[in-house]
């Protein structure tokens, strides 16, 4: 048996819980990207197929702009990543393909000190809520972004409590623990 599966959900949302539009993040918030990298670096990230494809596309564009043309061995540099997919034929450089989120538990040693983060998308967040004890949420200030996928924020006041938070000009960074 591997590491107990108690993933941390890490998500950025607009003021009504939206986090994506047309399979993209509808904002560019460098402070949140830096925070995400700092928190998850050296740890384990679990994502769905669409999230993986979005990260891969962005990574390929960024690498091309930098003039880098080398094989992708890590989709998120400095992190071990898993993608949940039922597509056996999917080619997924830089990640380990798994059939379901719980499979991570069997692939990580029980004494592995790394945290497991669920980074998206919508179905992954909904599934992870039953296993998670913590949510790290960025709320982007301002008007909603007309998103078409949402984090189920209505459950936050019922089953979760805020344990810490900070604010910048553009966002709130909130940590919730299960009540």
N, C-alpha and C. Protein backbone atom coordinates (compact mmCIF):
# COMPACT_ATOMS: atom_id res chain seq x y z
N UNK A 1 0.84 -1.18 0.00
CA UNK A 1 0.00 0.00 0.00
C UNK A 1 0.88 1.24 0.00
N UNK A 2 0.52 2.20 -0.80
CA UNK A 2 1.31 3.42 -0.93
C UNK A 2 0.92 4.48 0.09
N UNK A 3 1.24 5.69 -0.26
CA UNK A 3 0.97 6.85 0.58
C UNK A 3 -0.54 7.04 0.75
N UNK A 4 -1.02 7.33 1.97
CA UNK A 4 -2.45 7.61 2.15
C UNK A 4 -2.86 8.77 1.24
N UNK A 5 -4.00 8.65 0.61
CA UNK A 5 -4.43 9.64 -0.37
C UNK A 5 -5.22 10.75 0.30
N UNK A 6 -4.53 11.80 0.68
CA UNK A 6 -5.13 13.00 1.28
C UNK A 6 -4.63 14.19 0.47
N UNK A 7 -5.07 14.32 -0.78
CA UNK A 7 -4.55 15.39 -1.63
C UNK A 7 -5.01 16.77 -1.17
N UNK A 8 -4.23 17.75 -1.53
CA UNK A 8 -4.58 19.15 -1.32
C UNK A 8 -5.10 19.67 -2.65
N UNK A 9 -6.24 20.33 -2.62
CA UNK A 9 -6.78 20.94 -3.83
C UNK A 9 -6.16 22.33 -3.94
N UNK A 10 -5.64 22.66 -5.11
CA UNK A 10 -5.13 24.00 -5.34
C UNK A 10 -5.81 24.53 -6.59
N UNK A 11 -6.47 25.69 -6.44
CA UNK A 11 -7.31 26.21 -7.52
C UNK A 11 -7.34 27.74 -7.47
N UNK A 12 -7.47 28.35 -8.63
CA UNK A 12 -7.71 29.79 -8.74
C UNK A 12 -9.08 29.97 -9.38
N UNK A 13 -9.88 30.85 -8.79
CA UNK A 13 -11.25 31.07 -9.26
C UNK A 13 -11.53 32.57 -9.36
N UNK A 14 -12.59 32.91 -10.12
CA UNK A 14 -13.05 34.29 -10.09
C UNK A 14 -14.01 34.44 -8.91
N UNK A 15 -14.66 35.58 -8.80
CA UNK A 15 -15.47 35.87 -7.62
C UNK A 15 -16.74 35.04 -7.50
N UNK A 16 -17.09 34.27 -8.55
CA UNK A 16 -18.25 33.38 -8.46
C UNK A 16 -17.85 31.91 -8.59
N UNK A 17 -16.56 31.63 -8.48
CA UNK A 17 -16.08 30.25 -8.51
C UNK A 17 -15.67 29.73 -9.87
N UNK A 18 -15.76 30.54 -10.91
CA UNK A 18 -15.34 30.10 -12.23
C UNK A 18 -13.84 29.98 -12.34
N UNK A 19 -13.38 28.97 -13.06
CA UNK A 19 -11.92 28.84 -13.24
C UNK A 19 -11.50 28.56 -14.68
N UNK A 20 -12.44 28.47 -15.59
CA UNK A 20 -12.07 28.22 -16.97
C UNK A 20 -13.14 28.67 -17.94
N UNK A 21 -12.67 29.03 -19.12
CA UNK A 21 -13.59 29.41 -20.19
C UNK A 21 -12.99 28.90 -21.50
N UNK A 22 -13.78 28.11 -22.23
CA UNK A 22 -13.29 27.54 -23.49
C UNK A 22 -11.98 26.79 -23.29
N UNK A 23 -11.92 26.03 -22.19
CA UNK A 23 -10.75 25.20 -21.84
C UNK A 23 -9.47 25.99 -21.60
N UNK A 24 -9.61 27.21 -21.15
CA UNK A 24 -8.45 28.05 -20.83
C UNK A 24 -8.72 28.79 -19.53
N UNK A 25 -7.66 29.19 -18.86
CA UNK A 25 -7.79 30.08 -17.71
C UNK A 25 -8.01 31.48 -18.29
N UNK A 26 -9.10 32.15 -17.92
CA UNK A 26 -9.43 33.41 -18.59
C UNK A 26 -8.71 34.65 -18.05
N UNK A 27 -7.73 34.47 -17.22
CA UNK A 27 -6.94 35.60 -16.72
C UNK A 27 -5.48 35.22 -16.72
N UNK A 28 -4.63 36.23 -16.65
CA UNK A 28 -3.19 36.00 -16.50
C UNK A 28 -2.78 36.74 -15.24
N UNK A 29 -2.43 36.00 -14.21
CA UNK A 29 -2.09 36.58 -12.92
C UNK A 29 -0.74 36.02 -12.48
N UNK A 30 0.36 36.70 -12.87
CA UNK A 30 1.70 36.19 -12.56
C UNK A 30 1.92 35.87 -11.09
N UNK A 31 1.37 36.67 -10.18
CA UNK A 31 1.58 36.39 -8.76
C UNK A 31 0.97 35.05 -8.35
N UNK A 32 -0.14 34.67 -8.97
CA UNK A 32 -0.75 33.38 -8.67
C UNK A 32 0.08 32.25 -9.28
N UNK A 33 0.57 32.44 -10.50
CA UNK A 33 1.42 31.41 -11.12
C UNK A 33 2.69 31.19 -10.29
N UNK A 34 3.28 32.27 -9.79
CA UNK A 34 4.47 32.14 -8.95
C UNK A 34 4.15 31.43 -7.64
N UNK A 35 3.01 31.76 -7.08
CA UNK A 35 2.58 31.11 -5.83
C UNK A 35 2.34 29.62 -6.07
N UNK A 36 1.65 29.29 -7.15
CA UNK A 36 1.40 27.89 -7.51
C UNK A 36 2.73 27.13 -7.63
N UNK A 37 3.68 27.71 -8.34
CA UNK A 37 4.98 27.06 -8.53
C UNK A 37 5.69 26.86 -7.19
N UNK A 38 5.70 27.89 -6.37
CA UNK A 38 6.38 27.82 -5.07
C UNK A 38 5.77 26.74 -4.17
N UNK A 39 4.44 26.66 -4.17
CA UNK A 39 3.75 25.71 -3.30
C UNK A 39 3.92 24.27 -3.79
N UNK A 40 3.82 24.06 -5.11
CA UNK A 40 3.80 22.69 -5.65
C UNK A 40 5.17 22.15 -6.03
N UNK A 41 6.16 23.00 -6.17
CA UNK A 41 7.48 22.53 -6.63
C UNK A 41 8.05 21.50 -5.66
N UNK A 42 8.54 20.41 -6.22
CA UNK A 42 9.10 19.32 -5.42
C UNK A 42 8.05 18.34 -4.92
N UNK A 43 6.82 18.56 -5.32
CA UNK A 43 5.73 17.70 -4.85
C UNK A 43 5.09 16.95 -6.02
N UNK A 44 3.88 16.47 -5.83
CA UNK A 44 3.18 15.64 -6.82
C UNK A 44 1.91 16.36 -7.25
N UNK A 45 1.68 16.40 -8.57
CA UNK A 45 0.47 17.05 -9.10
C UNK A 45 -0.36 16.02 -9.86
N UNK A 46 -1.67 16.05 -9.62
CA UNK A 46 -2.62 15.16 -10.29
C UNK A 46 -3.59 16.05 -11.05
N UNK A 47 -3.85 15.68 -12.31
CA UNK A 47 -4.73 16.50 -13.14
C UNK A 47 -5.52 15.62 -14.09
N UNK A 48 -6.57 16.20 -14.63
CA UNK A 48 -7.34 15.54 -15.67
C UNK A 48 -6.72 15.77 -17.03
N UNK A 49 -7.25 15.08 -18.01
CA UNK A 49 -6.70 15.14 -19.37
C UNK A 49 -6.75 16.54 -19.97
N UNK A 50 -7.85 17.25 -19.79
CA UNK A 50 -7.96 18.59 -20.38
C UNK A 50 -6.96 19.55 -19.73
N UNK A 51 -6.81 19.48 -18.42
CA UNK A 51 -5.82 20.32 -17.74
C UNK A 51 -4.43 20.00 -18.26
N UNK A 52 -4.13 18.71 -18.39
CA UNK A 52 -2.83 18.31 -18.94
C UNK A 52 -2.61 18.91 -20.33
N UNK A 53 -3.60 18.76 -21.20
CA UNK A 53 -3.45 19.28 -22.57
C UNK A 53 -3.24 20.78 -22.59
N UNK A 54 -3.95 21.51 -21.71
CA UNK A 54 -3.77 22.96 -21.64
C UNK A 54 -2.36 23.32 -21.18
N UNK A 55 -1.86 22.61 -20.17
CA UNK A 55 -0.50 22.87 -19.68
C UNK A 55 0.52 22.52 -20.76
N UNK A 56 0.31 21.39 -21.43
CA UNK A 56 1.23 20.98 -22.50
C UNK A 56 1.27 22.02 -23.61
N UNK A 57 0.11 22.49 -24.06
CA UNK A 57 0.07 23.51 -25.11
C UNK A 57 0.83 24.77 -24.69
N UNK A 58 0.57 25.23 -23.47
CA UNK A 58 1.25 26.44 -22.97
C UNK A 58 2.76 26.20 -22.87
N UNK A 59 3.14 25.02 -22.41
CA UNK A 59 4.56 24.69 -22.28
C UNK A 59 5.26 24.66 -23.63
N UNK A 60 4.62 24.05 -24.64
CA UNK A 60 5.21 23.99 -25.97
C UNK A 60 5.39 25.39 -26.56
N UNK A 61 4.40 26.25 -26.38
CA UNK A 61 4.50 27.63 -26.86
C UNK A 61 5.64 28.35 -26.15
N UNK A 62 5.71 28.24 -24.82
CA UNK A 62 6.76 28.89 -24.03
C UNK A 62 8.14 28.39 -24.42
N UNK A 63 8.28 27.05 -24.57
CA UNK A 63 9.58 26.49 -24.96
C UNK A 63 9.99 26.99 -26.34
N UNK A 64 9.04 27.07 -27.26
CA UNK A 64 9.34 27.55 -28.62
C UNK A 64 9.80 29.01 -28.58
N UNK A 65 9.11 29.83 -27.78
CA UNK A 65 9.50 31.24 -27.64
C UNK A 65 10.90 31.37 -27.07
N UNK A 66 11.29 30.47 -26.20
CA UNK A 66 12.63 30.48 -25.59
C UNK A 66 13.68 29.83 -26.48
N UNK A 67 13.24 29.26 -27.60
CA UNK A 67 14.18 28.59 -28.49
C UNK A 67 14.58 27.21 -27.99
N UNK A 68 13.81 26.65 -27.08
CA UNK A 68 14.10 25.31 -26.55
C UNK A 68 13.38 24.27 -27.39
N UNK A 69 14.11 23.24 -27.75
CA UNK A 69 13.50 22.16 -28.55
C UNK A 69 14.01 20.83 -28.03
N UNK A 70 13.65 20.54 -26.78
CA UNK A 70 14.08 19.27 -26.20
C UNK A 70 12.86 18.51 -25.71
N UNK A 71 12.96 17.21 -25.61
CA UNK A 71 11.81 16.41 -25.17
C UNK A 71 11.33 16.83 -23.78
N UNK A 72 10.03 16.75 -23.58
CA UNK A 72 9.46 17.09 -22.28
C UNK A 72 9.54 15.86 -21.38
N UNK A 73 10.28 15.99 -20.29
CA UNK A 73 10.39 14.89 -19.33
C UNK A 73 9.54 15.15 -18.10
N UNK A 74 9.21 16.42 -17.85
CA UNK A 74 8.31 16.80 -16.76
C UNK A 74 7.37 17.86 -17.33
N UNK A 75 6.07 17.65 -17.25
CA UNK A 75 5.14 18.66 -17.75
C UNK A 75 5.21 19.92 -16.90
N UNK A 76 5.37 19.73 -15.60
CA UNK A 76 5.59 20.84 -14.66
C UNK A 76 6.97 20.63 -14.06
N UNK A 77 7.89 21.46 -14.43
CA UNK A 77 9.29 21.27 -13.98
C UNK A 77 9.36 21.19 -12.46
N UNK A 78 10.13 20.20 -11.99
CA UNK A 78 10.34 20.05 -10.55
C UNK A 78 9.21 19.37 -9.81
N UNK A 79 8.26 18.79 -10.55
CA UNK A 79 7.13 18.10 -9.92
C UNK A 79 6.86 16.80 -10.64
N UNK A 80 6.52 15.76 -9.89
CA UNK A 80 6.06 14.53 -10.51
C UNK A 80 4.59 14.70 -10.80
N UNK A 81 4.17 14.40 -12.03
CA UNK A 81 2.79 14.65 -12.41
C UNK A 81 2.10 13.40 -12.93
N UNK A 82 0.81 13.31 -12.62
CA UNK A 82 -0.04 12.22 -13.06
C UNK A 82 -1.23 12.82 -13.81
N UNK A 83 -1.65 12.16 -14.89
CA UNK A 83 -2.84 12.59 -15.61
C UNK A 83 -3.85 11.44 -15.58
N UNK A 84 -5.07 11.77 -15.18
CA UNK A 84 -6.15 10.79 -15.13
C UNK A 84 -6.81 10.75 -16.50
N UNK A 85 -6.79 9.57 -17.12
CA UNK A 85 -7.41 9.41 -18.43
C UNK A 85 -7.84 7.97 -18.63
N UNK A 86 -8.93 7.79 -19.36
CA UNK A 86 -9.35 6.44 -19.73
C UNK A 86 -8.85 6.10 -21.14
N UNK A 87 -8.20 7.04 -21.79
CA UNK A 87 -7.70 6.86 -23.14
C UNK A 87 -6.34 6.15 -23.11
N UNK A 88 -6.34 4.86 -23.39
CA UNK A 88 -5.10 4.07 -23.35
C UNK A 88 -4.10 4.52 -24.41
N UNK A 89 -4.60 5.10 -25.50
CA UNK A 89 -3.73 5.49 -26.61
C UNK A 89 -3.19 6.91 -26.48
N UNK A 90 -3.59 7.63 -25.45
CA UNK A 90 -3.13 9.01 -25.28
C UNK A 90 -1.62 9.04 -25.09
N UNK A 91 -0.96 9.87 -25.86
CA UNK A 91 0.47 10.11 -25.70
C UNK A 91 0.61 11.27 -24.73
N UNK A 92 1.32 11.06 -23.65
CA UNK A 92 1.38 12.05 -22.57
C UNK A 92 2.81 12.24 -22.06
N UNK A 93 3.62 12.99 -22.81
CA UNK A 93 4.99 13.21 -22.33
C UNK A 93 5.01 14.00 -21.03
N UNK A 94 5.91 13.62 -20.15
CA UNK A 94 6.11 14.37 -18.92
C UNK A 94 5.20 14.01 -17.77
N UNK A 95 4.35 12.98 -17.93
CA UNK A 95 3.45 12.56 -16.85
C UNK A 95 3.33 11.05 -16.84
N UNK A 96 2.77 10.54 -15.76
CA UNK A 96 2.38 9.14 -15.68
C UNK A 96 0.87 9.09 -15.85
N UNK A 97 0.39 8.28 -16.78
CA UNK A 97 -1.05 8.14 -16.99
C UNK A 97 -1.61 7.17 -15.95
N UNK A 98 -2.78 7.53 -15.40
CA UNK A 98 -3.48 6.68 -14.45
C UNK A 98 -4.96 6.65 -14.83
N UNK A 99 -5.65 5.60 -14.40
CA UNK A 99 -7.08 5.45 -14.74
C UNK A 99 -7.99 6.25 -13.83
N UNK A 100 -7.58 6.42 -12.57
CA UNK A 100 -8.38 7.19 -11.63
C UNK A 100 -7.47 7.84 -10.60
N UNK A 101 -7.98 8.84 -9.95
CA UNK A 101 -7.18 9.63 -9.03
C UNK A 101 -6.62 8.81 -7.87
N UNK A 102 -7.39 7.87 -7.37
CA UNK A 102 -6.95 7.06 -6.24
C UNK A 102 -5.75 6.19 -6.54
N UNK A 103 -5.49 5.95 -7.82
CA UNK A 103 -4.36 5.12 -8.22
C UNK A 103 -3.02 5.71 -7.76
N UNK A 104 -2.98 7.02 -7.57
CA UNK A 104 -1.75 7.67 -7.11
C UNK A 104 -1.28 7.05 -5.80
N UNK A 105 -2.23 6.73 -4.94
CA UNK A 105 -1.92 6.14 -3.64
C UNK A 105 -1.06 4.89 -3.77
N UNK A 106 -1.29 4.09 -4.79
CA UNK A 106 -0.54 2.85 -4.96
C UNK A 106 0.80 3.05 -5.65
N UNK A 107 1.01 4.21 -6.23
CA UNK A 107 2.25 4.47 -6.97
C UNK A 107 3.27 5.28 -6.19
N UNK A 108 2.87 5.76 -5.03
CA UNK A 108 3.75 6.58 -4.19
C UNK A 108 4.06 5.79 -2.91
N UNK A 109 5.31 5.75 -2.54
CA UNK A 109 5.70 5.03 -1.33
C UNK A 109 5.05 5.65 -0.10
N UNK A 110 4.70 4.82 0.85
CA UNK A 110 4.01 5.27 2.06
C UNK A 110 4.83 6.31 2.83
N UNK A 111 6.15 6.22 2.75
CA UNK A 111 7.00 7.17 3.49
C UNK A 111 7.44 8.36 2.64
N UNK A 112 6.86 8.53 1.47
CA UNK A 112 7.19 9.66 0.60
C UNK A 112 6.71 10.95 1.27
N UNK A 113 7.61 11.90 1.53
CA UNK A 113 7.21 13.11 2.26
C UNK A 113 6.50 14.16 1.39
N UNK A 114 6.44 13.95 0.09
CA UNK A 114 5.85 14.96 -0.79
C UNK A 114 4.33 15.05 -0.62
N UNK A 115 3.82 16.24 -0.79
CA UNK A 115 2.38 16.47 -0.79
C UNK A 115 1.82 16.11 -2.16
N UNK A 116 0.57 15.72 -2.19
CA UNK A 116 -0.14 15.45 -3.44
C UNK A 116 -1.13 16.59 -3.66
N UNK A 117 -1.03 17.26 -4.82
CA UNK A 117 -1.91 18.36 -5.16
C UNK A 117 -2.79 17.98 -6.33
N UNK A 118 -4.08 18.25 -6.21
CA UNK A 118 -5.00 18.11 -7.33
C UNK A 118 -5.13 19.50 -7.94
N UNK A 119 -4.77 19.61 -9.24
CA UNK A 119 -4.67 20.93 -9.86
C UNK A 119 -5.74 21.18 -10.92
N UNK A 120 -6.67 20.27 -11.13
CA UNK A 120 -7.76 20.51 -12.09
C UNK A 120 -7.98 19.30 -12.95
N UNK A 121 -9.03 19.30 -13.63
CA UNK A 121 -10.09 20.26 -13.82
C UNK A 121 -11.28 19.97 -12.94
N UNK A 122 -12.43 20.34 -13.46
CA UNK A 122 -13.66 20.33 -12.69
C UNK A 122 -13.96 18.97 -12.07
N UNK A 123 -13.92 17.91 -12.85
CA UNK A 123 -14.22 16.56 -12.31
C UNK A 123 -13.18 16.14 -11.27
N UNK A 124 -11.93 16.49 -11.49
CA UNK A 124 -10.88 16.13 -10.52
C UNK A 124 -11.13 16.84 -9.19
N UNK A 125 -11.51 18.12 -9.25
CA UNK A 125 -11.80 18.85 -8.02
C UNK A 125 -12.98 18.23 -7.28
N UNK A 126 -14.04 17.92 -7.99
CA UNK A 126 -15.23 17.35 -7.35
C UNK A 126 -14.88 16.01 -6.70
N UNK A 127 -14.13 15.16 -7.40
CA UNK A 127 -13.73 13.87 -6.82
C UNK A 127 -12.83 14.06 -5.62
N UNK A 128 -11.89 14.99 -5.71
CA UNK A 128 -10.91 15.19 -4.64
C UNK A 128 -11.54 15.73 -3.36
N UNK A 129 -12.68 16.39 -3.47
CA UNK A 129 -13.31 16.95 -2.27
C UNK A 129 -13.61 15.89 -1.21
N UNK A 130 -13.89 14.66 -1.62
CA UNK A 130 -14.19 13.63 -0.63
C UNK A 130 -12.94 13.12 0.08
N UNK A 131 -11.77 13.31 -0.51
CA UNK A 131 -10.52 12.84 0.10
C UNK A 131 -9.71 13.95 0.75
N UNK A 132 -9.92 15.16 0.33
CA UNK A 132 -9.06 16.27 0.75
C UNK A 132 -9.41 16.80 2.13
N UNK A 133 -8.39 17.28 2.80
CA UNK A 133 -8.57 17.97 4.07
C UNK A 133 -8.24 19.45 3.94
N UNK A 134 -7.71 19.84 2.76
CA UNK A 134 -7.29 21.23 2.58
C UNK A 134 -7.52 21.70 1.15
N UNK A 135 -7.94 22.97 1.04
CA UNK A 135 -8.09 23.64 -0.25
C UNK A 135 -7.28 24.92 -0.19
N UNK A 136 -6.41 25.12 -1.18
CA UNK A 136 -5.66 26.36 -1.32
C UNK A 136 -6.27 27.08 -2.52
N UNK A 137 -6.94 28.20 -2.24
CA UNK A 137 -7.71 28.87 -3.28
C UNK A 137 -7.25 30.30 -3.48
N UNK A 138 -7.03 30.65 -4.74
CA UNK A 138 -6.82 32.04 -5.12
C UNK A 138 -8.14 32.54 -5.66
N UNK A 139 -8.60 33.68 -5.17
CA UNK A 139 -9.80 34.31 -5.71
C UNK A 139 -9.36 35.59 -6.41
N UNK A 140 -9.56 35.62 -7.72
CA UNK A 140 -9.16 36.78 -8.52
C UNK A 140 -10.21 37.87 -8.30
N UNK A 141 -9.75 39.03 -7.88
CA UNK A 141 -10.66 40.14 -7.61
C UNK A 141 -11.25 40.69 -8.90
N UNK A 142 -12.38 41.39 -8.75
CA UNK A 142 -13.00 42.04 -9.89
C UNK A 142 -14.25 41.31 -10.35
N UNK A 143 -14.73 41.73 -11.49
CA UNK A 143 -15.96 41.13 -12.02
C UNK A 143 -15.69 39.71 -12.49
N UNK A 144 -16.72 38.86 -12.48
CA UNK A 144 -16.57 37.48 -12.95
C UNK A 144 -16.11 37.46 -14.42
N UNK A 145 -15.49 36.35 -14.81
CA UNK A 145 -14.90 36.21 -16.14
C UNK A 145 -15.77 35.42 -17.11
N UNK A 146 -17.07 35.28 -16.85
CA UNK A 146 -17.97 34.57 -17.75
C UNK A 146 -17.46 33.15 -18.03
N UNK A 147 -17.08 32.46 -16.97
CA UNK A 147 -16.50 31.12 -17.09
C UNK A 147 -17.56 30.08 -17.46
N UNK A 148 -17.07 28.94 -17.97
CA UNK A 148 -17.99 27.84 -18.27
C UNK A 148 -17.69 26.59 -17.45
N UNK A 149 -16.71 26.64 -16.57
CA UNK A 149 -16.46 25.58 -15.59
C UNK A 149 -16.25 26.25 -14.23
N UNK A 150 -16.75 25.56 -13.19
CA UNK A 150 -16.79 26.17 -11.87
C UNK A 150 -16.33 25.21 -10.78
N UNK A 151 -15.71 25.76 -9.77
CA UNK A 151 -15.41 25.04 -8.55
C UNK A 151 -16.68 25.10 -7.70
N UNK A 152 -17.07 24.02 -7.01
CA UNK A 152 -18.31 24.04 -6.24
C UNK A 152 -18.18 24.85 -4.94
N UNK A 153 -18.10 26.16 -5.06
CA UNK A 153 -17.87 27.04 -3.91
C UNK A 153 -19.00 27.01 -2.89
N UNK A 154 -20.19 26.57 -3.31
CA UNK A 154 -21.33 26.54 -2.38
C UNK A 154 -21.07 25.61 -1.20
N UNK A 155 -20.16 24.67 -1.32
CA UNK A 155 -19.89 23.73 -0.22
C UNK A 155 -18.89 24.31 0.79
N UNK A 156 -18.22 25.39 0.45
CA UNK A 156 -17.15 25.88 1.31
C UNK A 156 -17.63 26.24 2.71
N UNK A 157 -18.71 26.98 2.83
CA UNK A 157 -19.19 27.38 4.16
C UNK A 157 -19.77 26.22 4.94
N UNK A 158 -20.21 25.16 4.25
CA UNK A 158 -20.84 24.03 4.93
C UNK A 158 -19.83 23.05 5.52
N UNK A 159 -18.77 22.77 4.79
CA UNK A 159 -17.85 21.71 5.21
C UNK A 159 -16.42 22.17 5.43
N UNK A 160 -16.13 23.44 5.21
CA UNK A 160 -14.76 23.94 5.26
C UNK A 160 -14.70 25.22 6.09
N UNK A 161 -13.54 25.46 6.69
CA UNK A 161 -13.34 26.71 7.43
C UNK A 161 -12.04 27.35 6.95
N UNK A 162 -12.03 28.66 6.92
CA UNK A 162 -10.83 29.41 6.53
C UNK A 162 -9.85 29.34 7.69
N UNK A 163 -8.60 28.93 7.39
CA UNK A 163 -7.57 28.87 8.43
C UNK A 163 -6.48 29.92 8.22
N UNK A 164 -6.38 30.45 7.00
CA UNK A 164 -5.44 31.54 6.76
C UNK A 164 -5.80 32.23 5.46
N UNK A 165 -5.27 33.42 5.31
CA UNK A 165 -5.52 34.15 4.08
C UNK A 165 -4.65 35.39 4.00
N UNK A 166 -4.47 35.83 2.79
CA UNK A 166 -3.78 37.09 2.57
C UNK A 166 -4.37 37.74 1.33
N UNK A 167 -4.12 39.03 1.19
CA UNK A 167 -4.71 39.78 0.11
C UNK A 167 -3.65 40.60 -0.60
N UNK A 168 -3.78 40.69 -1.92
CA UNK A 168 -2.96 41.59 -2.72
C UNK A 168 -3.92 42.50 -3.48
N UNK A 169 -3.40 43.35 -4.31
CA UNK A 169 -4.26 44.24 -5.09
C UNK A 169 -5.17 43.46 -6.04
N UNK A 170 -4.72 42.29 -6.50
CA UNK A 170 -5.45 41.57 -7.53
C UNK A 170 -6.13 40.29 -7.07
N UNK A 171 -5.80 39.80 -5.86
CA UNK A 171 -6.34 38.50 -5.47
C UNK A 171 -6.36 38.31 -3.96
N UNK A 172 -7.19 37.35 -3.56
CA UNK A 172 -7.19 36.83 -2.19
C UNK A 172 -6.59 35.43 -2.27
N UNK A 173 -5.72 35.08 -1.33
CA UNK A 173 -5.16 33.74 -1.23
C UNK A 173 -5.69 33.15 0.07
N UNK A 174 -6.51 32.12 -0.05
CA UNK A 174 -7.24 31.58 1.10
C UNK A 174 -6.91 30.09 1.26
N UNK A 175 -6.70 29.67 2.51
CA UNK A 175 -6.51 28.26 2.81
C UNK A 175 -7.69 27.81 3.66
N UNK A 176 -8.36 26.76 3.18
CA UNK A 176 -9.48 26.15 3.89
C UNK A 176 -9.05 24.79 4.41
N UNK A 177 -9.50 24.44 5.60
CA UNK A 177 -9.37 23.08 6.11
C UNK A 177 -10.77 22.52 6.32
N UNK A 178 -10.89 21.21 6.22
CA UNK A 178 -12.18 20.57 6.47
C UNK A 178 -12.58 20.81 7.92
N UNK A 179 -13.88 21.07 8.14
CA UNK A 179 -14.39 21.30 9.51
C UNK A 179 -14.36 20.01 10.29
